[in-house]
Amino acid sequence: MTKGGELWHSRRKIVTPAFGFKLLEGFVEIFDRQSTILLDCLGEQADGKTPFNIYPLINSFNLDVIVETSMGIQLNTQTKKGCVYTAAVEELTEIYGFRLSSLLLHFETIFSLRHPFKWLRQRKLQRIVHDFSQKVIRQRRALLENSRDTNLKDADRSLGYGNKRHYAVLDTLLQATLNGQSLADDVIREEVDKVMFAGHDTTATALSFGLHLLARHPRVQKKILEEIFQVYGELESSMRFSLMNLNELKYLECVIKEVLRLYPSVPIIARIIEQDLKYKHSTLGEGIIPAGTNFIILVNGSPTSGDSYPNPDEFFPERHENADDGGNTNYGRPFSAGPRNCFGQKFAMYNMKVALVRIIRRYELLPLGEKVRPLLHIVLRSENGMQLGMRKRCH
């Protein structure tokens, strides 16, 4: 993810097809199935009176989604506890978040000297995650190789899918080549781990903040429900998701953009300027930023500034309705932009749309429990959780 030059470019070309239109269409079924399981888990909390922290449930849901779509296996984290791999992923995410809080801790040597026990724990957890990924890669590579003597459809069935568009990211990588050679297992593991850690906590956090905000804005919640009825009808049992009808949820997309504006899952984006950059029309006048300069964009600061939006602290999804027609485009920054933008942004958007549609259709979100910290702080996760209440809708 942080590599440069030809190595980054070649890896990017390999992993990008794993999030193409046909494969995303297959992932929608996984989003829907896992979100249906989530509804049952939420039902245990939906008494309409008791506040609860939504994040652990959303975290388990998204971990099941990301593992199944990236590796093609079902861990059932939502219904079964005690999986060593999922526990390792969650603890590693906590450690990485801790290191993100200090620039010095980004350096491995400094981290190991200042926090030796955390560093040792991190190494142990990394071995658990890597060993698990390597085991899955070897198993699925063997399945593919053993099936080449028959036909591709047999290979798909042996991998647990009916056709090519339901491939996991791992299946795409196993059949990819680089300079005419199949990818080594270590390269595949790195790419799968990248997808895992880039897509797991980020989407779970965005969904949790979104539900927390919607519980406190019934007007927005009502508009989402009206849009759901317009696109899918009023019968929950008749809802069928596709990329086409998910694209019709324009207002819901504005809601997600507004959540990411206020609480970006990745609050800082960094780049290295490769060539001298001339600038003008700035508050500092004109000048040149020399090549080799590290350039850091604070995503959390700019979109919540009054210079970018009127009433920046207000949760107002309608401000994004004309963004694609030349309006303000700050909402795109949480996914970055340019050649190094997030290759999984469509994956994340469709995943969040399916989950939100299912939850809002089944439950009314209530403003119970404590609110999260003020907006102008960098909030990756609230100390008190993301609390709300729920009750089942009458219709």
Protein backbone atom coordinates (compact mmCIF):
# COMPACT_ATOMS: atom_id res chain seq x y z
CA MET A 1 0.00 0.00 0.00
CA THR A 2 2.89 2.36 0.76
CA LYS A 3 5.26 1.01 -1.89
CA GLY A 4 6.06 3.11 -4.95
CA GLY A 5 7.26 2.85 -8.52
CA GLU A 6 6.78 -0.16 -10.75
CA LEU A 7 6.18 -2.54 -7.82
CA TRP A 8 3.14 -0.58 -6.67
CA HIS A 9 1.85 -0.15 -10.22
CA SER A 10 2.07 -3.86 -11.06
CA ARG A 11 0.39 -4.89 -7.79
CA ARG A 12 -2.36 -2.35 -8.32
CA LYS A 13 -3.09 -3.72 -11.81
CA ILE A 14 -3.40 -7.20 -10.34
CA VAL A 15 -5.77 -6.44 -7.46
CA THR A 16 -8.05 -3.89 -9.21
CA PRO A 17 -9.93 -6.52 -11.33
CA ALA A 18 -10.95 -8.24 -8.08
CA PHE A 19 -13.32 -5.31 -7.51
CA GLY A 20 -14.69 -5.09 -11.03
CA PHE A 21 -18.38 -4.85 -11.89
CA LYS A 22 -19.02 -8.58 -12.42
CA LEU A 23 -17.31 -9.61 -9.19
CA LEU A 24 -19.04 -6.86 -7.20
CA GLU A 25 -22.39 -8.14 -8.46
CA GLY A 26 -21.52 -11.48 -6.90
CA PHE A 27 -20.45 -9.85 -3.65
CA VAL A 28 -23.89 -8.24 -3.25
CA GLU A 29 -25.34 -11.65 -2.36
CA ILE A 30 -22.75 -11.96 0.42
CA PHE A 31 -23.52 -8.45 1.72
CA ASP A 32 -27.22 -9.33 1.86
CA ARG A 33 -26.79 -12.74 3.51
CA GLN A 34 -24.46 -11.42 6.19
CA SER A 35 -26.66 -8.36 6.85
CA THR A 36 -29.65 -10.67 7.32
CA ILE A 37 -27.69 -12.49 10.04
CA LEU A 38 -26.90 -9.08 11.55
CA LEU A 39 -30.63 -8.29 11.76
CA ASP A 40 -31.17 -11.35 13.96
CA CYS A 41 -28.27 -10.31 16.22
CA LEU A 42 -29.68 -6.78 16.49
CA GLY A 43 -33.09 -8.19 17.37
CA GLU A 44 -31.71 -9.31 20.72
CA GLN A 45 -31.02 -5.65 21.57
CA ALA A 46 -34.07 -4.00 20.01
CA ASP A 47 -36.33 -3.55 23.06
CA GLY A 48 -36.83 0.18 22.38
CA LYS A 49 -35.67 1.10 25.89
CA THR A 50 -32.08 0.03 26.45
CA PRO A 51 -29.12 1.80 24.79
CA PHE A 52 -26.31 -0.40 23.49
CA ASN A 53 -23.01 -0.03 21.67
CA ILE A 54 -23.62 -0.80 18.01
CA TYR A 55 -19.94 -1.10 17.08
CA PRO A 56 -19.15 -4.70 18.23
CA LEU A 57 -22.09 -6.08 16.24
CA ILE A 58 -21.22 -4.09 13.13
CA ASN A 59 -17.57 -5.06 13.51
CA SER A 60 -18.42 -8.78 13.54
CA PHE A 61 -20.74 -8.33 10.56
CA ASN A 62 -18.12 -6.56 8.49
CA LEU A 63 -15.41 -9.04 9.45
CA ASP A 64 -17.59 -11.87 8.14
CA VAL A 65 -18.17 -9.90 4.93
CA ILE A 66 -14.51 -9.05 4.32
CA VAL A 67 -13.23 -12.57 5.08
CA GLU A 68 -15.78 -14.22 2.79
CA THR A 69 -15.28 -11.78 -0.09
CA SER A 70 -11.49 -11.70 0.18
CA MET A 71 -10.75 -15.35 1.00
CA GLY A 72 -13.92 -17.18 0.05
CA ILE A 73 -14.49 -18.80 3.45
CA GLN A 74 -17.17 -18.28 6.08
CA LEU A 75 -15.98 -17.69 9.66
CA ASN A 76 -19.46 -16.96 11.08
CA THR A 77 -18.06 -14.45 13.53
CA GLN A 78 -21.53 -13.02 14.17
CA THR A 79 -22.91 -16.29 15.51
CA LYS A 80 -19.81 -18.11 16.75
CA LYS A 81 -17.24 -16.66 19.12
CA GLY A 82 -13.70 -17.74 19.87
CA CYS A 83 -12.11 -17.80 16.40
CA VAL A 84 -8.36 -17.23 16.87
CA TYR A 85 -7.98 -15.49 13.51
CA THR A 86 -10.78 -12.96 14.04
CA ALA A 87 -9.57 -12.20 17.56
CA ALA A 88 -6.07 -11.59 16.17
CA VAL A 89 -7.40 -9.27 13.44
CA GLU A 90 -9.38 -7.23 15.96
CA GLU A 91 -6.46 -6.90 18.40
CA LEU A 92 -4.05 -6.00 15.61
CA THR A 93 -6.46 -3.29 14.50
CA GLU A 94 -6.38 -1.86 18.03
CA ILE A 95 -2.58 -1.83 18.04
CA TYR A 96 -2.38 -0.18 14.62
CA GLY A 97 -4.85 2.44 15.81
CA PHE A 98 -2.68 3.08 18.86
CA ARG A 99 0.39 3.55 16.65
CA LEU A 100 -1.53 5.91 14.39
CA SER A 101 -1.98 8.30 17.32
CA SER A 102 1.72 9.19 17.33
CA LEU A 103 3.95 9.94 14.34
CA LEU A 104 7.02 8.50 16.13
CA LEU A 105 5.28 5.16 16.66
CA HIS A 106 5.00 4.73 12.89
CA PHE A 107 8.68 3.74 12.96
CA GLU A 108 9.06 0.09 13.93
CA THR A 109 12.31 0.58 15.86
CA ILE A 110 10.92 3.41 17.99
CA PHE A 111 7.71 1.46 18.63
CA SER A 112 9.68 -1.61 19.76
CA LEU A 113 11.81 0.47 22.15
CA ARG A 114 9.02 2.55 23.67
CA HIS A 115 6.41 -0.21 23.88
CA PRO A 116 8.30 -3.54 23.81
CA PHE A 117 5.40 -5.65 25.09
CA LYS A 118 2.95 -4.22 22.55
CA TRP A 119 5.56 -4.74 19.84
CA LEU A 120 6.05 -8.41 20.81
CA ARG A 121 2.30 -8.90 20.94
CA GLN A 122 1.95 -7.34 17.51
CA ARG A 123 4.52 -9.74 16.06
CA LYS A 124 2.73 -12.75 17.55
CA LEU A 125 -0.63 -11.60 16.18
CA GLN A 126 0.90 -10.95 12.76
CA ARG A 127 2.20 -14.54 12.68
CA ILE A 128 -1.29 -15.85 13.50
CA VAL A 129 -2.88 -13.79 10.71
CA HIS A 130 -0.17 -14.64 8.17
CA ASP A 131 -0.26 -18.38 8.97
CA PHE A 132 -4.03 -18.43 8.57
CA SER A 133 -3.88 -16.62 5.22
CA GLN A 134 -1.09 -18.90 3.95
CA LYS A 135 -3.08 -21.99 4.90
CA VAL A 136 -6.17 -20.78 3.01
CA ILE A 137 -4.05 -19.81 -0.01
CA ARG A 138 -2.42 -23.26 -0.20
CA GLN A 139 -5.77 -25.02 0.09
CA ARG A 140 -7.47 -22.96 -2.60
CA ARG A 141 -4.47 -23.12 -4.93
CA ALA A 142 -4.57 -26.92 -4.64
CA LEU A 143 -8.29 -26.94 -5.41
CA LEU A 144 -7.78 -24.85 -8.52
CA GLU A 145 -4.86 -26.93 -9.77
CA ASN A 146 -6.72 -30.19 -9.17
CA SER A 147 -9.70 -28.87 -11.10
CA ARG A 148 -7.80 -27.72 -14.19
CA ASP A 149 -8.03 -31.20 -15.65
CA THR A 150 -11.82 -30.96 -15.66
CA ASN A 151 -13.28 -27.52 -16.38
CA LEU A 152 -13.66 -24.09 -14.85
CA LYS A 153 -17.22 -24.67 -13.66
CA ASP A 154 -16.09 -27.71 -11.67
CA ALA A 155 -13.37 -25.56 -10.13
CA ASP A 156 -15.96 -22.97 -9.16
CA ARG A 157 -18.15 -25.59 -7.53
CA SER A 158 -15.23 -27.10 -5.61
CA LEU A 159 -14.43 -23.62 -4.29
CA GLY A 160 -17.99 -23.21 -3.09
CA TYR A 161 -19.30 -20.87 -5.80
CA GLY A 162 -21.61 -21.40 -8.73
CA ASN A 163 -19.89 -19.23 -11.34
CA LYS A 164 -16.98 -16.92 -11.95
CA ARG A 165 -18.64 -13.71 -10.86
CA HIS A 166 -18.86 -15.10 -7.31
CA TYR A 167 -15.11 -15.48 -7.01
CA ALA A 168 -13.40 -14.20 -3.91
CA VAL A 169 -10.53 -11.74 -4.26
CA LEU A 170 -8.19 -14.63 -3.51
CA ASP A 171 -9.44 -16.63 -6.50
CA THR A 172 -8.70 -13.72 -8.81
CA LEU A 173 -5.18 -13.37 -7.42
CA LEU A 174 -4.52 -17.12 -7.72
CA GLN A 175 -5.26 -16.96 -11.44
CA ALA A 176 -3.36 -13.71 -12.05
CA THR A 177 0.14 -13.55 -13.56
CA LEU A 178 3.01 -11.10 -13.27
CA ASN A 179 5.59 -11.07 -16.07
CA GLY A 180 4.16 -14.37 -17.31
CA GLN A 181 4.51 -16.10 -13.93
CA SER A 182 1.88 -17.05 -11.36
CA LEU A 183 2.01 -14.95 -8.21
CA ALA A 184 3.99 -16.35 -5.29
CA ASP A 185 2.03 -17.23 -2.16
CA ASP A 186 3.76 -14.44 -0.21
CA VAL A 187 2.65 -11.85 -2.77
CA ILE A 188 -0.92 -13.14 -2.68
CA ARG A 189 -0.92 -13.11 1.14
CA GLU A 190 0.25 -9.50 1.19
CA GLU A 191 -2.57 -8.46 -1.14
CA VAL A 192 -5.22 -10.41 0.75
CA ASP A 193 -4.03 -8.98 4.08
CA LYS A 194 -4.10 -5.50 2.54
CA VAL A 195 -7.73 -5.96 1.52
CA MET A 196 -8.55 -7.34 4.98
CA PHE A 197 -7.07 -4.50 6.99
CA ALA A 198 -8.01 -1.73 4.56
CA GLY A 199 -11.66 -2.80 4.42
CA HIS A 200 -12.43 -4.25 7.83
CA ASP A 201 -12.35 -1.57 10.53
CA THR A 202 -12.80 1.37 8.15
CA THR A 203 -16.20 0.25 6.87
CA ALA A 204 -17.32 -1.00 10.29
CA THR A 205 -16.49 2.37 11.85
CA ALA A 206 -18.29 4.33 9.11
CA LEU A 207 -21.41 2.16 9.45
CA SER A 208 -21.41 2.52 13.23
CA PHE A 209 -21.07 6.29 13.13
CA GLY A 210 -23.78 6.38 10.48
CA LEU A 211 -26.26 4.43 12.60
CA HIS A 212 -25.40 6.56 15.64
CA LEU A 213 -26.11 9.74 13.68
CA LEU A 214 -29.30 8.41 12.09
CA ALA A 215 -30.66 7.52 15.53
CA ARG A 216 -30.40 11.23 16.38
CA HIS A 217 -31.85 12.51 13.10
CA PRO A 218 -35.31 10.97 12.56
CA ARG A 219 -35.97 13.29 9.60
CA VAL A 220 -33.08 11.71 7.68
CA GLN A 221 -34.09 8.23 8.79
CA LYS A 222 -37.61 8.83 7.47
CA LYS A 223 -36.31 10.01 4.07
CA ILE A 224 -34.16 6.89 3.75
CA LEU A 225 -37.17 4.69 4.51
CA GLU A 226 -39.24 6.50 1.86
CA GLU A 227 -36.49 5.92 -0.68
CA ILE A 228 -36.33 2.23 0.26
CA PHE A 229 -40.08 1.88 -0.34
CA GLN A 230 -39.76 3.69 -3.66
CA VAL A 231 -36.97 1.42 -4.94
CA TYR A 232 -37.89 -1.94 -3.37
CA GLY A 233 -41.54 -1.66 -2.39
CA GLU A 234 -42.96 -1.88 1.12
CA LEU A 235 -42.70 -5.65 1.60
CA GLU A 236 -39.44 -6.61 3.26
CA SER A 237 -39.71 -10.16 1.93
CA SER A 238 -39.70 -8.93 -1.68
CA MET A 239 -36.42 -6.99 -1.43
CA ARG A 240 -33.79 -8.16 -3.94
CA PHE A 241 -30.49 -6.32 -4.28
CA SER A 242 -28.45 -5.68 -7.41
CA LEU A 243 -25.85 -3.10 -8.33
CA MET A 244 -28.43 -1.44 -10.56
CA ASN A 245 -31.08 -0.87 -7.90
CA LEU A 246 -28.47 -0.02 -5.25
CA ASN A 247 -27.35 2.78 -7.58
CA GLU A 248 -30.89 4.17 -7.42
CA LEU A 249 -30.48 4.91 -3.69
CA LYS A 250 -29.27 8.45 -4.30
CA TYR A 251 -30.30 9.92 -0.98
CA LEU A 252 -28.77 7.05 0.98
CA GLU A 253 -25.52 7.69 -0.87
CA CYS A 254 -25.67 11.32 0.24
CA VAL A 255 -26.15 10.12 3.82
CA ILE A 256 -23.04 7.93 3.62
CA LYS A 257 -21.02 10.81 2.15
CA GLU A 258 -22.17 13.06 4.97
CA VAL A 259 -21.17 10.47 7.59
CA LEU A 260 -17.73 10.21 6.01
CA ARG A 261 -17.44 14.00 5.89
CA LEU A 262 -18.03 14.28 9.63
CA TYR A 263 -16.27 11.08 10.70
CA PRO A 264 -13.81 9.94 8.00
CA SER A 265 -12.59 6.40 8.68
CA VAL A 266 -9.12 7.41 7.44
CA PRO A 267 -8.53 10.91 8.84
CA ILE A 268 -5.09 11.47 7.31
CA ILE A 269 -3.87 10.96 3.73
CA ALA A 270 -0.14 11.25 2.99
CA ARG A 271 1.70 11.63 -0.32
CA ILE A 272 5.28 12.20 -1.45
CA ILE A 273 5.67 14.90 -4.12
CA GLU A 274 7.77 13.36 -6.90
CA GLN A 275 8.36 16.55 -8.92
CA ASP A 276 8.71 20.20 -7.96
CA LEU A 277 5.22 21.60 -7.56
CA LYS A 278 4.51 25.22 -8.37
CA TYR A 279 1.59 26.74 -6.48
CA LYS A 280 -0.19 30.09 -6.62
CA HIS A 281 -3.43 31.70 -5.50
CA SER A 282 -2.78 30.47 -1.95
CA THR A 283 -2.95 32.51 1.26
CA LEU A 284 0.86 32.31 1.28
CA GLY A 285 1.24 33.69 -2.23
CA GLU A 286 3.23 31.79 -4.84
CA GLY A 287 6.09 29.34 -4.51
CA ILE A 288 7.50 25.89 -5.16
CA ILE A 289 7.16 22.74 -3.06
CA PRO A 290 10.32 20.74 -3.79
CA ALA A 291 10.31 17.13 -4.94
CA GLY A 292 10.61 14.63 -2.10
CA THR A 293 8.39 16.64 0.27
CA ASN A 294 5.97 14.64 2.40
CA PHE A 295 2.50 16.11 1.92
CA ILE A 296 -0.18 15.37 4.53
CA ILE A 297 -3.90 16.10 4.11
CA LEU A 298 -5.99 16.23 7.26
CA VAL A 299 -9.28 14.85 5.96
CA ASN A 300 -11.11 15.56 9.20
CA GLY A 301 -10.25 19.27 9.22
CA SER A 302 -11.14 20.55 5.75
CA PRO A 303 -14.66 19.11 5.23
CA THR A 304 -15.78 20.39 8.66
CA SER A 305 -14.52 23.89 7.94
CA GLY A 306 -16.91 26.76 7.30
CA ASP A 307 -14.85 27.61 4.21
CA SER A 308 -15.90 24.31 2.63
CA TYR A 309 -19.49 23.98 3.83
CA PRO A 310 -22.12 26.19 5.43
CA ASN A 311 -22.99 25.02 8.95
CA PRO A 312 -20.17 22.43 8.89
CA ASP A 313 -21.09 20.82 12.25
CA GLU A 314 -24.60 20.01 11.08
CA PHE A 315 -25.53 16.54 9.80
CA PHE A 316 -27.23 17.52 6.54
CA PRO A 317 -26.99 14.90 3.74
CA GLU A 318 -28.77 17.17 1.24
CA ARG A 319 -25.58 19.22 0.87
CA HIS A 320 -24.20 16.42 -1.35
CA GLU A 321 -27.12 16.17 -3.75
CA ASN A 322 -25.51 18.41 -6.41
CA ALA A 323 -21.89 17.39 -5.81
CA ASP A 324 -21.68 15.45 -9.07
CA ASP A 325 -22.91 18.50 -10.99
CA GLY A 326 -19.96 20.68 -10.15
CA GLY A 327 -20.75 21.29 -6.50
CA ASN A 328 -18.46 20.71 -3.54
CA THR A 329 -16.51 17.44 -3.88
CA ASN A 330 -14.84 17.26 -0.48
CA TYR A 331 -16.85 14.13 0.28
CA GLY A 332 -14.48 12.13 -1.98
CA ARG A 333 -11.45 12.65 0.20
CA PRO A 334 -12.11 9.82 2.69
CA PHE A 335 -11.45 7.45 -0.24
CA SER A 336 -8.57 9.63 -1.44
CA ALA A 337 -8.24 10.51 -5.14
CA GLY A 338 -5.99 10.01 -8.13
CA PRO A 339 -4.04 6.85 -9.01
CA ARG A 340 -3.74 5.87 -5.34
CA ASN A 341 -7.38 6.24 -4.47
CA CYS A 342 -9.09 3.46 -2.53
CA PHE A 343 -9.62 0.59 -4.99
CA GLY A 344 -12.34 -0.80 -2.73
CA GLN A 345 -14.51 2.30 -2.46
CA LYS A 346 -17.36 0.89 -4.56
CA PHE A 347 -17.16 -2.33 -2.55
CA ALA A 348 -17.46 -0.32 0.69
CA MET A 349 -20.33 1.82 -0.60
CA TYR A 350 -22.41 -1.15 -1.77
CA ASN A 351 -21.70 -3.04 1.45
CA MET A 352 -22.84 -0.07 3.56
CA LYS A 353 -25.91 0.50 1.39
CA VAL A 354 -27.13 -3.09 1.75
CA ALA A 355 -26.57 -3.11 5.51
CA LEU A 356 -28.27 0.26 6.04
CA VAL A 357 -31.26 -0.66 3.88
CA ARG A 358 -31.78 -3.90 5.80
CA ILE A 359 -31.40 -2.23 9.22
CA ILE A 360 -33.54 0.87 8.51
CA ARG A 361 -36.26 -1.26 6.89
CA ARG A 362 -36.48 -3.58 9.91
CA TYR A 363 -35.74 -1.27 12.86
CA GLU A 364 -36.37 2.27 14.01
CA LEU A 365 -33.19 3.80 15.45
CA LEU A 366 -33.62 5.71 18.71
CA PRO A 367 -31.44 8.46 20.26
CA LEU A 368 -30.56 6.57 23.44
CA GLY A 369 -27.21 6.55 25.24
CA GLU A 370 -24.31 8.97 25.14
CA LYS A 371 -23.30 10.97 22.09
CA VAL A 372 -19.82 10.68 20.60
CA ARG A 373 -17.19 13.37 21.09
CA PRO A 374 -17.39 16.81 19.38
CA LEU A 375 -17.00 16.70 15.61
CA LEU A 376 -13.82 18.75 15.28
CA HIS A 377 -11.73 16.12 17.04
CA ILE A 378 -10.18 13.27 15.08
CA VAL A 379 -12.50 10.45 16.13
CA LEU A 380 -11.55 6.97 14.99
CA ARG A 381 -13.70 5.29 17.61
CA SER A 382 -15.61 6.71 20.54
CA GLU A 383 -14.34 5.76 24.01
CA ASN A 384 -17.90 5.05 25.16
CA GLY A 385 -18.88 3.23 22.00
CA MET A 386 -21.47 4.34 19.45
CA GLN A 387 -24.66 4.05 21.40
CA LEU A 388 -28.26 4.00 20.29
CA GLY A 389 -31.53 2.19 20.84
CA MET A 390 -33.72 0.18 18.47
CA ARG A 391 -37.24 -1.09 18.14
CA LYS A 392 -38.84 -3.13 15.43
CA ARG A 393 -40.98 -1.23 12.93
CA CYS A 394 -44.70 -1.95 12.93
CA HIS A 395 -45.02 -2.30 9.12
